[in-house]
N, C-alpha and C. Protein backbone atom coordinates (compact mmCIF):
# COMPACT_ATOMS: atom_id res chain seq x y z
N UNK A 1 0.69 -1.27 0.39
CA UNK A 1 0.09 -0.22 -0.06
C UNK A 1 0.78 1.44 0.09
N UNK A 2 0.30 2.39 -0.72
CA UNK A 2 1.27 3.74 -0.50
C UNK A 2 0.15 4.33 0.07
N UNK A 3 0.78 5.09 1.33
CA UNK A 3 -0.34 6.27 2.04
C UNK A 3 0.40 7.49 1.74
N UNK A 4 -0.84 8.34 1.17
CA UNK A 4 -0.42 9.54 1.33
C UNK A 4 -0.71 10.50 2.35
N UNK A 5 -0.48 11.52 2.34
CA UNK A 5 -0.38 12.83 3.36
C UNK A 5 -2.13 12.98 3.13
N UNK A 6 -3.04 13.06 4.15
CA UNK A 6 -4.04 13.49 3.82
C UNK A 6 -4.24 14.96 4.18
N UNK A 7 -3.19 15.55 4.70
CA UNK A 7 -3.50 16.59 4.35
C UNK A 7 -2.90 17.96 3.02
N UNK A 8 -2.60 16.96 2.33
CA UNK A 8 -2.11 17.40 1.16
C UNK A 8 -3.26 17.02 0.04
N UNK A 9 -3.41 18.13 -0.76
CA UNK A 9 -4.26 18.26 -2.09
C UNK A 9 -4.05 16.78 -2.92
N UNK A 10 -4.61 16.24 -3.28
CA UNK A 10 -4.00 14.77 -4.09
C UNK A 10 -4.15 15.69 -5.60
N UNK A 11 -4.49 16.92 -5.75
CA UNK A 11 -4.15 16.84 -7.38
C UNK A 11 -2.62 17.28 -7.17
N UNK A 12 -2.19 17.43 -6.45
CA UNK A 12 -0.73 17.73 -6.54
C UNK A 12 0.05 16.62 -6.52
N UNK A 13 -0.29 15.46 -6.53
CA UNK A 13 0.30 13.94 -6.38
C UNK A 13 0.60 13.69 -7.43
N UNK A 14 1.98 12.83 -7.96
CA UNK A 14 2.01 12.35 -8.52
C UNK A 14 3.26 11.09 -8.71
N UNK A 15 3.03 9.82 -8.40
CA UNK A 15 3.99 9.20 -7.75
C UNK A 15 4.60 8.04 -8.76
N UNK A 16 5.91 8.07 -8.90
CA UNK A 16 6.96 7.57 -9.67
C UNK A 16 7.34 6.20 -8.98
N UNK A 17 6.89 5.01 -8.51
CA UNK A 17 7.16 3.73 -7.78
C UNK A 17 8.45 2.96 -9.32
N UNK A 18 9.69 2.88 -8.30
CA UNK A 18 10.42 1.88 -9.21
C UNK A 18 10.47 0.73 -7.97
N UNK A 19 10.72 -0.68 -8.21
CA UNK A 19 10.62 -1.85 -7.30
C UNK A 19 11.59 -2.57 -7.97
N UNK A 20 12.52 -3.14 -7.14
CA UNK A 20 13.19 -4.19 -7.83
C UNK A 20 12.76 -5.67 -7.82
N UNK A 21 11.21 -5.70 -7.27
CA UNK A 21 10.71 -7.03 -7.16
C UNK A 21 9.29 -6.78 -7.12
N UNK A 22 8.42 -7.90 -7.69
CA UNK A 22 7.09 -7.78 -7.38
C UNK A 22 6.93 -7.79 -5.73
N UNK A 23 7.63 -7.81 -4.93
CA UNK A 23 7.25 -7.56 -3.45
C UNK A 23 5.94 -6.70 -3.15
N UNK A 24 5.39 -6.71 -2.19
CA UNK A 24 4.80 -5.89 -1.55
C UNK A 24 5.61 -4.93 -0.45
N UNK A 25 4.73 -3.66 -1.01
CA UNK A 25 5.47 -2.54 -0.24
C UNK A 25 4.50 -1.62 0.26
N UNK A 26 5.32 -1.21 1.46
CA UNK A 26 4.69 -0.46 2.33
C UNK A 26 4.91 1.08 2.46
N UNK A 27 5.04 2.28 1.58
CA UNK A 27 5.61 3.23 1.75
C UNK A 27 5.01 3.92 2.25
N UNK A 28 5.50 5.13 2.84
CA UNK A 28 4.83 6.40 3.30
C UNK A 28 5.15 7.59 2.45
N UNK A 29 4.58 8.59 1.52
CA UNK A 29 5.48 9.35 0.47
C UNK A 29 4.69 10.70 0.91
N UNK A 30 5.66 11.63 0.66
CA UNK A 30 5.40 12.80 1.17
C UNK A 30 6.07 14.08 -0.25
N UNK A 31 5.08 15.38 -0.03
CA UNK A 31 5.50 15.96 -1.34
C UNK A 31 6.89 16.58 -1.56
N UNK A 32 7.21 16.74 -2.11
CA UNK A 32 8.62 17.43 -2.24
C UNK A 32 9.78 16.64 -1.92
N UNK A 33 10.05 15.47 -1.39
CA UNK A 33 10.80 14.62 -1.05
C UNK A 33 11.17 13.37 -2.21
N UNK A 34 12.09 12.60 -1.96
CA UNK A 34 12.49 11.64 -2.70
C UNK A 34 12.77 10.73 -1.58
N UNK A 35 12.31 9.41 -1.23
CA UNK A 35 12.62 8.38 -0.22
C UNK A 35 12.94 6.88 -0.48
N UNK A 36 13.91 6.68 -0.25
CA UNK A 36 14.33 5.31 -0.34
C UNK A 36 14.24 4.53 0.94
N UNK A 37 12.99 3.28 0.30
CA UNK A 37 12.93 2.35 2.05
C UNK A 37 12.99 0.74 1.61
N UNK A 38 14.01 0.62 2.92
CA UNK A 38 14.15 -1.06 2.38
C UNK A 38 13.09 -1.86 3.17
N UNK A 39 12.74 -2.93 2.63
CA UNK A 39 11.70 -3.86 3.00
C UNK A 39 12.45 -5.36 2.45
N UNK A 40 12.53 -5.97 3.54
CA UNK A 40 12.74 -7.47 3.07
C UNK A 40 14.26 -7.65 2.01
N UNK A 41 15.06 -6.63 1.96
CA UNK A 41 16.02 -6.46 1.63
C UNK A 41 16.15 -5.98 0.07
N UNK A 42 14.72 -5.44 -0.56
CA UNK A 42 14.52 -4.84 -1.40
C UNK A 42 14.07 -3.21 -1.42
N UNK A 43 14.79 -2.58 -2.95
CA UNK A 43 14.90 -1.00 -1.92
C UNK A 43 13.45 -0.76 -3.13
N UNK A 44 12.81 0.67 -2.63
CA UNK A 44 12.13 0.82 -3.13
C UNK A 44 12.10 2.54 -3.22
N UNK A 45 12.14 3.48 -4.45
CA UNK A 45 12.20 4.52 -4.70
C UNK A 45 10.47 5.65 -4.85
N UNK A 46 10.60 6.87 -4.27
CA UNK A 46 9.34 7.28 -4.61
C UNK A 46 9.89 8.63 -4.95
N UNK A 47 9.37 9.32 -6.05
CA UNK A 47 9.57 10.73 -6.20
C UNK A 47 8.31 11.34 -6.51
N UNK A 48 8.53 12.43 -5.77
CA UNK A 48 7.21 13.22 -5.67
C UNK A 48 7.64 14.44 -7.17
N UNK A 49 6.60 14.33 -7.88
CA UNK A 49 6.85 15.58 -8.67
C UNK A 49 5.65 16.66 -9.18
N UNK A 50 5.34 17.78 -9.25
CA UNK A 50 4.40 18.24 -9.23
C UNK A 50 3.57 17.55 -10.67
N UNK A 51 2.25 17.69 -10.38
CA UNK A 51 1.67 18.08 -11.78
C UNK A 51 0.07 18.17 -11.80
N UNK A 52 -0.38 18.00 -12.66
CA UNK A 52 -2.01 18.65 -12.57
C UNK A 52 -2.79 17.30 -13.07
N UNK A 53 -3.73 16.64 -12.28
CA UNK A 53 -4.39 15.26 -12.57
C UNK A 53 -6.21 15.78 -12.64
N UNK A 54 -6.68 15.07 -13.69
CA UNK A 54 -7.98 15.31 -13.93
C UNK A 54 -8.66 15.02 -12.83
N UNK A 55 -8.37 13.68 -12.63
CA UNK A 55 -9.16 13.29 -11.65
C UNK A 55 -8.68 12.97 -10.34
N UNK A 56 -8.74 13.26 -9.24
CA UNK A 56 -8.06 13.19 -8.04
C UNK A 56 -8.12 11.66 -7.45
N UNK A 57 -6.38 11.59 -7.24
CA UNK A 57 -6.60 9.69 -6.79
C UNK A 57 -7.00 9.66 -5.79
N UNK A 58 -7.53 8.16 -4.83
CA UNK A 58 -7.65 7.84 -3.81
C UNK A 58 -6.40 8.13 -3.01
N UNK A 59 -6.50 8.69 -1.72
CA UNK A 59 -5.35 8.35 -1.09
C UNK A 59 -4.92 7.41 -0.92
N UNK A 60 -5.35 6.30 -1.01
CA UNK A 60 -5.05 4.86 -0.73
C UNK A 60 -4.79 4.10 -2.16
N UNK A 61 -3.98 3.98 -2.57
CA UNK A 61 -3.54 3.14 -3.88
C UNK A 61 -3.00 1.53 -2.90
N UNK A 62 -3.87 0.68 -3.86
CA UNK A 62 -3.49 -0.82 -3.29
C UNK A 62 -2.63 -0.84 -4.45
N UNK A 63 -1.39 -1.72 -3.73
CA UNK A 63 -0.05 -2.24 -4.42
C UNK A 63 -0.12 -4.06 -4.25
N UNK A 64 -1.24 -4.39 -3.71
CA UNK A 64 -0.83 -6.05 -3.80
C UNK A 64 -1.56 -6.19 -5.19
N UNK A 65 -1.05 -6.80 -6.38
CA UNK A 65 -0.87 -7.26 -7.44
C UNK A 65 -1.48 -8.40 -7.75
N UNK A 66 -2.27 -8.88 -8.38
CA UNK A 66 -2.70 -10.71 -8.77
C UNK A 66 -1.97 -11.04 -9.41
N UNK A 67 -1.70 -11.92 -9.43
CA UNK A 67 -0.98 -13.19 -10.56
C UNK A 67 -1.30 -14.38 -10.36
N UNK A 68 -0.85 -14.86 -11.61
CA UNK A 68 -0.73 -16.64 -11.72
C UNK A 68 0.60 -16.67 -12.06
N UNK A 69 1.33 -17.58 -11.66
CA UNK A 69 2.58 -18.25 -11.91
C UNK A 69 2.66 -19.63 -12.66
N UNK A 70 3.05 -20.18 -13.57
CA UNK A 70 2.56 -21.19 -14.64
C UNK A 70 4.30 -21.82 -14.62
N UNK A 71 4.14 -23.00 -13.86
CA UNK A 71 5.46 -23.79 -13.81
C UNK A 71 5.68 -24.63 -15.07
N UNK A 72 7.08 -24.82 -15.26
CA UNK A 72 6.59 -25.94 -16.80
C UNK A 72 8.11 -26.69 -16.54
N UNK A 73 7.81 -27.95 -16.88
CA UNK A 73 9.30 -29.08 -16.36
C UNK A 73 9.99 -28.94 -17.66
N UNK A 74 11.61 -28.17 -17.47
CA UNK A 74 12.25 -28.31 -18.11
C UNK A 74 12.84 -29.45 -18.92
N UNK A 75 12.79 -30.34 -17.83
CA UNK A 75 13.58 -31.72 -18.31
C UNK A 75 13.19 -32.11 -18.90
N UNK A 76 11.69 -32.36 -19.40
CA UNK A 76 11.19 -32.92 -20.42
C UNK A 76 11.31 -32.47 -22.09
N UNK A 77 12.92 -31.84 -22.23
CA UNK A 77 12.66 -31.21 -23.31
C UNK A 77 11.72 -31.16 -24.51
N UNK A 78 10.42 -30.47 -24.13
CA UNK A 78 9.71 -30.63 -25.01
C UNK A 78 9.65 -29.72 -26.10
N UNK A 79 9.34 -29.26 -26.99
CA UNK A 79 9.17 -28.35 -28.58
C UNK A 79 8.74 -27.59 -27.71
N UNK A 80 9.08 -26.03 -28.16
CA UNK A 80 8.46 -25.37 -28.20
C UNK A 80 7.01 -25.13 -27.84
N UNK A 81 6.67 -25.32 -29.06
CA UNK A 81 4.86 -25.31 -28.82
C UNK A 81 4.30 -26.02 -28.03
N UNK A 82 4.87 -27.28 -27.84
CA UNK A 82 4.26 -28.04 -26.39
C UNK A 82 4.42 -27.56 -25.42
N UNK A 83 5.41 -27.05 -25.15
CA UNK A 83 5.95 -25.87 -23.73
C UNK A 83 4.76 -25.36 -23.58
N UNK A 84 4.17 -23.87 -24.89
CA UNK A 84 3.53 -23.23 -24.56
C UNK A 84 2.34 -23.62 -24.62
N UNK A 85 1.84 -24.58 -25.14
CA UNK A 85 0.38 -25.51 -24.88
C UNK A 85 0.16 -26.10 -23.59
N UNK A 86 1.21 -26.90 -23.41
CA UNK A 86 1.39 -27.20 -21.80
C UNK A 86 0.65 -25.97 -20.90
N UNK A 87 1.51 -25.18 -21.11
CA UNK A 87 1.68 -23.84 -19.96
C UNK A 87 0.44 -23.23 -20.49
N UNK A 88 -0.30 -22.89 -21.10
CA UNK A 88 -2.00 -22.23 -21.77
C UNK A 88 -2.82 -23.19 -21.02
N UNK A 89 -2.50 -24.43 -21.35
CA UNK A 89 -3.63 -25.53 -20.52
C UNK A 89 -3.96 -24.87 -19.22
N UNK A 90 -2.45 -25.02 -18.22
CA UNK A 90 -2.50 -24.78 -16.94
C UNK A 90 -3.08 -23.63 -16.90
N UNK A 91 -2.84 -22.70 -17.73
CA UNK A 91 -3.39 -20.86 -17.27
C UNK A 91 -5.04 -21.24 -17.22
N UNK A 92 -5.25 -21.92 -18.01
CA UNK A 92 -7.09 -22.07 -18.59
C UNK A 92 -7.49 -22.71 -17.57
N UNK A 93 -7.11 -23.78 -16.96
CA UNK A 93 -7.39 -24.23 -16.28
C UNK A 93 -8.51 -24.33 -15.11
N UNK A 94 -8.05 -22.78 -14.06
CA UNK A 94 -8.85 -22.44 -13.27
C UNK A 94 -10.53 -22.05 -13.86
N UNK A 95 -10.51 -21.70 -15.20
CA UNK A 95 -11.92 -21.68 -16.12
C UNK A 95 -12.37 -22.92 -16.33
N UNK A 96 -11.53 -23.77 -17.40
CA UNK A 96 -12.34 -24.96 -17.88
C UNK A 96 -12.63 -25.84 -16.93
N UNK A 97 -11.90 -25.95 -15.88
CA UNK A 97 -12.59 -27.11 -14.82
C UNK A 97 -13.68 -26.94 -14.43
N UNK A 98 -14.27 -25.55 -14.25
CA UNK A 98 -15.52 -25.14 -13.78
C UNK A 98 -17.01 -25.34 -15.35
N UNK A 99 -16.11 -25.19 -16.22
CA UNK A 99 -16.82 -25.79 -17.54
C UNK A 99 -16.97 -27.67 -17.58
N UNK A 100 -15.77 -28.07 -17.61
CA UNK A 100 -16.23 -29.56 -17.39
C UNK A 100 -17.18 -30.19 -16.17
N UNK A 101 -16.86 -29.46 -15.27
CA UNK A 101 -17.85 -29.60 -13.74
C UNK A 101 -19.60 -29.05 -14.23
N UNK A 102 -19.62 -28.88 -14.98
CA UNK A 102 -21.06 -28.82 -16.13
C UNK A 102 -21.17 -29.54 -16.75
N UNK A 103 -20.54 -30.54 -16.75
CA UNK A 103 -20.66 -31.68 -17.98
C UNK A 103 -21.10 -30.98 -19.41
N UNK A 104 -19.93 -30.29 -19.46
CA UNK A 104 -20.15 -29.50 -21.08
C UNK A 104 -19.23 -30.37 -22.06
N UNK A 105 -19.84 -30.91 -22.98
CA UNK A 105 -19.75 -31.82 -23.72
C UNK A 105 -19.50 -31.48 -25.31
N UNK A 106 -19.72 -30.06 -25.74
CA UNK A 106 -20.09 -29.22 -27.10
C UNK A 106 -20.91 -29.91 -28.09
N UNK A 107 -21.88 -30.67 -27.42
CA UNK A 107 -22.71 -31.32 -28.93
C UNK A 107 -24.14 -30.66 -28.77
N UNK A 108 -24.07 -29.90 -28.00
CA UNK A 108 -25.58 -29.13 -28.12
C UNK A 108 -25.38 -27.29 -27.54
N UNK A 109 -25.89 -26.47 -28.04
CA UNK A 109 -26.15 -25.24 -27.32
C UNK A 109 -26.73 -25.06 -25.87
N UNK A 110 -24.89 -24.71 -24.97
CA UNK A 110 -25.62 -24.96 -23.75
C UNK A 110 -25.43 -23.07 -22.97
N UNK A 111 -25.91 -23.72 -21.63
CA UNK A 111 -25.89 -22.16 -21.19
C UNK A 111 -25.31 -22.40 -19.76
N UNK A 112 -23.80 -21.73 -19.22
CA UNK A 112 -23.21 -21.89 -18.20
C UNK A 112 -22.59 -20.90 -17.21
N UNK A 113 -22.26 -20.75 -16.10
CA UNK A 113 -22.68 -20.16 -15.51
C UNK A 113 -21.08 -20.26 -14.43
N UNK A 114 -20.34 -19.53 -14.62
CA UNK A 114 -18.91 -19.41 -14.09
C UNK A 114 -18.58 -18.69 -12.91
N UNK A 115 -18.20 -18.91 -11.78
CA UNK A 115 -18.34 -18.00 -10.65
C UNK A 115 -16.97 -17.43 -10.83
N UNK A 116 -16.92 -16.77 -10.65
CA UNK A 116 -15.69 -15.62 -10.27
C UNK A 116 -15.27 -15.34 -9.39
N UNK A 117 -14.28 -15.39 -8.62
CA UNK A 117 -14.03 -14.70 -7.34
C UNK A 117 -13.52 -13.23 -7.44
N UNK A 118 -13.27 -12.66 -6.43
CA UNK A 118 -13.12 -11.24 -6.57
C UNK A 118 -11.40 -10.94 -7.13
N UNK A 119 -10.89 -11.90 -6.65
CA UNK A 119 -9.25 -12.19 -7.20
C UNK A 119 -9.46 -12.22 -8.73
N UNK A 120 -9.93 -13.54 -9.17
CA UNK A 120 -10.26 -13.38 -10.49
C UNK A 120 -10.68 -12.53 -11.50
N UNK A 121 -11.78 -11.77 -10.71
CA UNK A 121 -12.06 -10.59 -12.01
C UNK A 121 -11.18 -9.50 -11.74
N UNK A 122 -10.68 -8.90 -10.51
CA UNK A 122 -8.65 -8.30 -10.71
C UNK A 122 -7.72 -8.86 -11.83
N UNK A 123 -7.82 -9.55 -11.63
CA UNK A 123 -6.54 -10.55 -12.27
C UNK A 123 -6.88 -10.12 -14.29
N UNK A 124 -8.34 -10.73 -14.48
CA UNK A 124 -8.75 -10.45 -15.71
C UNK A 124 -9.12 -9.05 -16.05
N UNK A 125 -9.24 -8.13 -15.14
CA UNK A 125 -9.80 -6.61 -15.69
C UNK A 125 -8.44 -6.27 -15.74
N UNK A 126 -6.99 -6.43 -15.15
CA UNK A 126 -5.78 -5.46 -15.15
C UNK A 126 -4.82 -6.51 -15.64
N UNK A 127 -4.99 -7.29 -16.91
CA UNK A 127 -4.13 -7.52 -17.95
C UNK A 127 -3.46 -8.92 -17.29
N UNK A 128 -4.23 -9.62 -16.52
CA UNK A 128 -3.48 -11.10 -16.31
C UNK A 128 -2.54 -11.61 -16.57
N UNK A 129 -1.69 -10.80 -15.63
CA UNK A 129 -0.10 -10.98 -15.11
C UNK A 129 0.30 -12.41 -15.23
N UNK A 130 1.29 -12.93 -15.67
CA UNK A 130 1.57 -14.05 -15.48
C UNK A 130 3.16 -14.26 -15.49
N UNK A 131 3.53 -15.13 -14.65
CA UNK A 131 4.81 -15.11 -14.87
C UNK A 131 5.29 -16.83 -15.17
N UNK A 132 6.12 -16.91 -15.97
CA UNK A 132 6.55 -18.77 -16.40
C UNK A 132 7.86 -19.27 -15.36
N UNK A 133 7.96 -19.99 -14.70
CA UNK A 133 8.98 -20.19 -13.88
C UNK A 133 9.35 -21.80 -14.40
N UNK A 134 10.44 -22.22 -14.59
CA UNK A 134 10.79 -24.10 -14.81
C UNK A 134 10.93 -24.47 -13.09
N UNK A 135 10.73 -26.00 -13.57
CA UNK A 135 11.10 -26.60 -12.32
C UNK A 135 11.57 -28.23 -13.23
N UNK A 136 12.66 -28.67 -12.60
CA UNK A 136 13.60 -29.36 -13.40
C UNK A 136 13.45 -31.38 -13.10
N UNK A 137 11.85 -31.62 -12.70
CA UNK A 137 11.52 -32.73 -12.34
C UNK A 137 10.01 -32.78 -11.98
N UNK A 138 9.44 -34.44 -12.37
CA UNK A 138 8.05 -34.08 -11.92
C UNK A 138 7.79 -34.50 -10.25
N UNK A 139 8.95 -34.86 -9.94
CA UNK A 139 9.09 -34.25 -8.39
C UNK A 139 8.89 -32.85 -7.89
N UNK A 140 9.91 -32.33 -8.40
CA UNK A 140 9.63 -30.95 -8.32
C UNK A 140 8.09 -30.07 -8.34
N UNK A 141 7.75 -30.38 -9.73
CA UNK A 141 6.86 -29.88 -10.27
C UNK A 141 5.79 -29.71 -8.95
N UNK A 142 5.25 -31.65 -8.58
CA UNK A 142 4.09 -31.91 -7.62
C UNK A 142 4.22 -31.27 -6.12
N UNK A 143 5.82 -31.08 -6.25
CA UNK A 143 5.90 -30.73 -4.75
C UNK A 143 5.42 -28.95 -4.68
N UNK A 144 5.89 -28.27 -5.80
CA UNK A 144 4.99 -26.86 -5.45
C UNK A 144 3.74 -26.82 -6.20
N UNK A 145 2.99 -27.69 -6.42
CA UNK A 145 1.40 -28.02 -6.68
C UNK A 145 0.99 -27.98 -4.93
N UNK A 146 1.73 -29.14 -4.78
CA UNK A 146 0.70 -29.46 -3.28
C UNK A 146 1.44 -28.33 -2.51
N UNK A 147 2.42 -27.33 -2.21
CA UNK A 147 2.69 -26.48 -1.46
C UNK A 147 1.82 -25.49 -1.55
N UNK A 148 1.26 -25.24 -2.90
CA UNK A 148 0.53 -24.22 -3.28
C UNK A 148 -1.47 -24.02 -2.79
N UNK A 149 -1.38 -26.00 -2.96
CA UNK A 149 -2.64 -25.99 -2.18
C UNK A 149 -2.50 -26.19 -0.72
N UNK A 150 -1.59 -26.44 0.07
CA UNK A 150 -1.78 -26.55 1.04
C UNK A 150 -1.63 -24.91 2.01
N UNK A 151 -1.05 -24.06 1.47
CA UNK A 151 -1.28 -22.70 1.35
C UNK A 151 -2.54 -21.66 1.23
N UNK A 152 -3.77 -22.64 1.13
CA UNK A 152 -5.06 -22.28 0.46
C UNK A 152 -5.03 -21.61 -1.03
N UNK A 153 -3.51 -22.12 -1.91
CA UNK A 153 -3.82 -21.34 -3.34
C UNK A 153 -4.62 -22.61 -4.21
N UNK A 154 -5.23 -21.60 -5.28
CA UNK A 154 -5.63 -22.84 -6.39
C UNK A 154 -4.42 -23.44 -7.39
N UNK A 155 -4.12 -24.05 -7.40
CA UNK A 155 -2.67 -24.72 -8.55
C UNK A 155 -3.77 -26.07 -9.07
N UNK A 156 -3.44 -25.67 -10.37
CA UNK A 156 -4.17 -26.66 -11.62
C UNK A 156 -2.87 -27.57 -12.13
N UNK A 157 -2.73 -28.66 -12.40
CA UNK A 157 -1.67 -29.49 -12.55
C UNK A 157 -2.14 -30.24 -14.01
N UNK A 158 -1.54 -30.66 -15.04
CA UNK A 158 -1.82 -31.03 -16.27
C UNK A 158 -0.88 -32.11 -16.36
N UNK A 159 -2.09 -33.36 -16.66
CA UNK A 159 -1.52 -34.51 -17.01
C UNK A 159 -1.41 -34.42 -18.54
N UNK A 160 -0.76 -34.79 -19.44
CA UNK A 160 -0.42 -34.76 -20.70
C UNK A 160 -0.89 -36.21 -21.20
N UNK A 161 -1.73 -36.41 -22.44
CA UNK A 161 -2.17 -37.54 -22.69
C UNK A 161 -1.17 -38.74 -23.09
N UNK A 162 0.12 -37.63 -23.53
CA UNK A 162 1.35 -38.79 -24.29
C UNK A 162 1.32 -38.94 -25.51
N UNK A 163 0.02 -38.18 -26.44
CA UNK A 163 -0.38 -38.92 -27.88
C UNK A 163 0.90 -38.41 -28.47
N UNK A 164 1.54 -37.06 -28.43
CA UNK A 164 2.42 -36.59 -29.39
C UNK A 164 3.45 -36.56 -29.07
N UNK A 165 4.05 -36.43 -27.60
CA UNK A 165 5.33 -36.89 -27.06
C UNK A 165 5.16 -38.00 -25.96
N UNK A 166 6.20 -38.07 -25.62
CA UNK A 166 6.30 -39.00 -23.78
C UNK A 166 6.14 -40.64 -24.35
N UNK A 167 6.45 -40.84 -25.66
CA UNK A 167 6.12 -42.10 -25.92
C UNK A 167 4.68 -42.89 -25.44
N UNK A 168 3.51 -42.15 -25.65
CA UNK A 168 2.54 -42.26 -25.17
C UNK A 168 2.44 -42.68 -23.95
N UNK A 169 2.96 -42.35 -22.85
CA UNK A 169 2.77 -42.10 -21.51
C UNK A 169 2.49 -40.90 -20.87
N UNK A 170 1.19 -40.82 -19.95
CA UNK A 170 0.59 -39.41 -19.61
C UNK A 170 1.42 -39.12 -18.99
N UNK A 171 1.84 -37.81 -18.69
CA UNK A 171 3.03 -37.16 -18.00
C UNK A 171 2.61 -35.82 -17.35
N UNK A 172 3.35 -35.46 -16.36
CA UNK A 172 2.73 -34.61 -15.69
C UNK A 172 3.54 -33.22 -16.33
N UNK A 173 3.22 -32.67 -16.96
CA UNK A 173 4.07 -31.51 -17.72
C UNK A 173 4.20 -30.04 -16.89
N UNK A 174 3.09 -29.28 -16.58
CA UNK A 174 3.17 -27.83 -15.91
C UNK A 174 2.20 -28.09 -14.80
N UNK A 175 2.07 -27.00 -14.11
CA UNK A 175 0.96 -26.34 -13.58
C UNK A 175 0.91 -24.50 -13.04
N UNK A 176 -0.19 -24.55 -12.83
CA UNK A 176 -0.87 -22.77 -12.73
C UNK A 176 -0.72 -22.69 -11.66
N UNK A 177 -0.44 -21.94 -10.55
CA UNK A 177 -0.84 -21.44 -9.48
C UNK A 177 -1.72 -19.97 -9.33
N UNK A 178 -2.85 -19.86 -8.79
CA UNK A 178 -3.40 -19.08 -9.01
C UNK A 178 -4.51 -18.73 -9.92
N UNK A 179 -4.79 -17.41 -10.20
CA UNK A 179 -4.71 -16.37 -10.06
C UNK A 179 -4.69 -15.98 -8.75
N UNK A 180 -3.89 -15.27 -7.72
CA UNK A 180 -3.53 -14.86 -6.68
C UNK A 180 -2.94 -13.92 -6.18
N UNK A 181 -2.83 -13.64 -4.57
CA UNK A 181 -2.36 -11.98 -4.56
C UNK A 181 -0.43 -12.84 -4.83
N UNK A 182 -0.01 -11.73 -5.02
CA UNK A 182 1.85 -12.02 -5.31
C UNK A 182 2.27 -12.63 -3.90
N UNK A 183 2.46 -11.76 -3.00
CA UNK A 183 3.02 -12.23 -2.19
C UNK A 183 3.03 -13.86 -1.33
N UNK A 184 1.78 -14.00 -1.58
CA UNK A 184 1.37 -15.15 -1.39
C UNK A 184 1.99 -16.33 -2.34
N UNK A 185 1.92 -15.95 -3.15
CA UNK A 185 2.60 -17.10 -4.29
C UNK A 185 3.92 -16.85 -4.09
N UNK A 186 4.64 -15.94 -4.32
CA UNK A 186 5.87 -15.28 -4.19
C UNK A 186 6.57 -16.50 -2.95
N UNK A 187 5.77 -16.51 -1.99
CA UNK A 187 6.41 -17.11 -0.84
C UNK A 187 6.53 -18.78 -1.05
N UNK A 188 5.69 -19.00 -2.14
CA UNK A 188 5.94 -20.39 -2.68
C UNK A 188 7.15 -20.52 -3.63
N UNK A 189 7.09 -19.99 -4.74
CA UNK A 189 7.96 -19.70 -5.54
C UNK A 189 8.92 -18.98 -5.91
N UNK A 190 9.16 -18.04 -5.12
CA UNK A 190 9.76 -16.71 -5.28
C UNK A 190 11.66 -17.29 -5.54
N UNK A 191 11.77 -18.52 -5.15
CA UNK A 191 13.21 -18.93 -5.33
C UNK A 191 13.53 -19.57 -7.14
N UNK A 192 12.24 -19.97 -7.72
CA UNK A 192 12.39 -20.34 -8.99
C UNK A 192 12.93 -19.17 -10.00
N UNK A 193 13.29 -19.73 -10.89
CA UNK A 193 14.31 -19.05 -11.85
C UNK A 193 13.11 -19.23 -13.35
N UNK A 194 13.30 -17.72 -13.79
CA UNK A 194 12.35 -18.16 -15.09
C UNK A 194 12.48 -18.93 -16.30
N UNK A 195 11.38 -19.60 -17.14
CA UNK A 195 11.78 -20.41 -18.06
C UNK A 195 12.54 -19.69 -18.81
């Protein structure tokens, strides 16, 4: 959260926030000053600039981002297109599983109601932030999947049928954690490297 001084006219505020990580930041901003604050070994900078706003911003801006993290197995040496497809399956699973729960078979025209949480709505309306990270084994994939579930996050595991790769063997290829609040997801996947 960024807390602005309520004694200052919000028309005079423009904030520039640079962060070295997507970690949640709590920063107090005062006009006319530049501050560097440290939180969990990450530095944040705020610069005040004189500006004119068309619509006054609220005094409090939420900085808890919503995101989804997609984990893909690097050890399988999948073709690039296969990797993209598996990550896409994982990313969409939180919606697709609801459709499958409604016994969607595609044979007739059907109406469905999908329930979206407030987090889902925020994520869908704010650009659907995703991060793709690598894991190096099935054991590692299953470990992070279970950690996410234990933390109360949604995690969807993809089991590929093996028809085009993996010599016909069903294989766990990817999972998607979230959409959820970044700090909660980062607590589980924060040490993984980008794919």
